[in-house]
Structures are given as structure tokens and as C-alpha cells.
Amino acid sequence: MYQKLLSIDHIASEPLSPMQPPYPNWYKPKLNCEYHAGIVGHSIHTCNAFKRKYLQLIKVGWIEFEDTPNVNTNPLPNHAGSSGLEKH
């Protein structure tokens, strides 16, 4: 998602200064964050700053979701009365 948002100019990387020891418990030296311009210590998947930005883009309407499932128009057949607990 980050790459898509970057390609359409909806988001830009936010460079940070490298962290210095002592590192916090969440710091992972083998991970890099794309949102923070490749900084070492966490991944974009656990990046709270990216998550906040993503939610902000949803709230302002820059990101929308298509084809939200609707249980009322579900193409599967109706299974009313079929709980699998009937006596045989």
C-alpha cells in the first residue's frame, strides 16, 4: 500500500535520525521502515506513524474501499433453519 500511495503522491517518506543506544525493547536492528526512508529499527508493518497517516488519508476521503461485502446481497444460498443441530 505504501508504494501505491507514494506513486500517486498521496504520501511521502518521513526521514528520521538514526536511533542511538540504549535502544527501546521494540527496536529490531534487522528491520527497515520504508515510510521512514529506510531507517533501521522497525518495519512499515509495525510503524505507528504510517498507520496514523494511513487512517488520516481514509478519514479525509483520499483512500476508499471498493466492493464492501454486504450480507444482504450475498450470492450464497439462504441456509435458514439449517444450523446443523437438527435431530435425525
Protein backbone atom coordinates (compact mmCIF):
# COMPACT_ATOMS: atom_id res chain seq x y z
CA MET A 1 0.00 0.00 0.00
CA TYR A 2 2.85 2.38 0.79
CA GLN A 3 4.33 2.05 -2.70
CA LYS A 4 0.94 2.72 -4.31
CA LEU A 5 0.33 5.82 -2.17
CA LEU A 6 3.86 7.04 -2.89
CA SER A 7 3.42 6.60 -6.66
CA ILE A 8 0.27 8.74 -6.69
CA ASP A 9 1.76 11.41 -4.42
CA HIS A 10 -0.66 10.75 -1.55
CA ILE A 11 2.23 10.15 0.85
CA ALA A 12 5.93 10.94 1.16
CA SER A 13 8.65 9.31 3.22
CA GLU A 14 9.43 10.92 6.57
CA PRO A 15 13.17 10.59 7.25
CA LEU A 16 14.25 10.19 10.86
CA SER A 17 17.62 10.43 12.52
CA PRO A 18 19.07 7.02 13.37
CA MET A 19 18.40 5.87 16.91
CA GLN A 20 21.25 5.69 19.36
CA PRO A 21 21.74 3.18 22.19
CA PRO A 22 20.25 2.31 24.52
CA TYR A 23 17.56 1.04 22.19
CA PRO A 24 13.93 0.52 23.25
CA ASN A 25 12.53 -3.03 23.53
CA TRP A 26 10.69 -2.76 20.19
CA TYR A 27 13.89 -1.89 18.28
CA LYS A 28 14.76 -4.57 15.69
CA PRO A 29 18.17 -4.00 14.03
CA LYS A 30 17.35 -6.28 11.09
CA LEU A 31 14.23 -4.32 10.05
CA ASN A 32 13.92 -1.20 7.91
CA CYS A 33 10.93 1.14 7.57
CA GLU A 34 10.07 2.38 4.08
CA TYR A 35 7.94 5.19 5.47
CA HIS A 36 10.89 6.50 7.47
CA ALA A 37 13.24 6.42 4.43
CA GLY A 38 14.73 3.02 5.29
CA ILE A 39 15.66 3.76 8.89
CA VAL A 40 16.73 0.70 10.89
CA GLY A 41 14.75 -0.43 13.92
CA HIS A 42 11.24 -1.31 12.77
CA SER A 43 9.26 -2.23 9.66
CA ILE A 44 6.45 -0.35 7.97
CA HIS A 45 4.12 -3.15 9.18
CA THR A 46 4.63 -2.08 12.79
CA CYS A 47 5.12 1.64 12.13
CA ASN A 48 2.63 3.64 14.19
CA ALA A 49 3.39 6.86 12.29
CA PHE A 50 2.49 5.19 8.97
CA LYS A 51 -0.67 3.70 10.46
CA ARG A 52 -1.75 7.14 11.74
CA LYS A 53 -1.08 8.70 8.31
CA TYR A 54 -2.99 5.90 6.58
CA LEU A 55 -6.00 6.40 8.86
CA GLN A 56 -5.84 10.15 8.27
CA LEU A 57 -5.99 9.56 4.49
CA ILE A 58 -9.04 7.35 4.97
CA LYS A 59 -10.79 9.98 7.12
CA VAL A 60 -10.26 12.77 4.57
CA GLY A 61 -11.51 10.52 1.76
CA TRP A 62 -8.26 10.08 -0.17
CA ILE A 63 -8.45 6.31 0.35
CA GLU A 64 -11.69 4.44 -0.24
CA PHE A 65 -12.50 0.76 -0.24
CA GLU A 66 -14.41 -0.79 -3.13
CA ASP A 67 -16.96 -3.58 -3.04
CA THR A 68 -17.63 -3.68 0.68
CA PRO A 69 -19.26 -7.05 1.40
CA ASN A 70 -22.99 -6.89 2.00
CA VAL A 71 -24.59 -9.86 3.74
CA ASN A 72 -28.00 -8.90 2.30
CA THR A 73 -26.77 -9.28 -1.30
CA ASN A 74 -24.51 -12.26 -0.68
CA PRO A 75 -24.81 -14.65 -3.68
CA LEU A 76 -24.70 -17.72 -1.44
CA PRO A 77 -28.00 -19.56 -0.92
CA ASN A 78 -30.06 -18.91 2.20
CA HIS A 79 -29.48 -21.61 4.81
CA ALA A 80 -32.26 -20.56 7.18
CA GLY A 81 -33.18 -23.29 9.65
CA SER A 82 -30.09 -25.31 8.85
CA SER A 83 -27.94 -24.99 11.94
CA GLY A 84 -26.52 -28.48 11.63
CA LEU A 85 -28.05 -29.34 15.01
CA GLU A 86 -31.27 -30.93 13.72
CA LYS A 87 -32.25 -34.34 15.06
CA HIS A 88 -32.15 -37.15 12.51
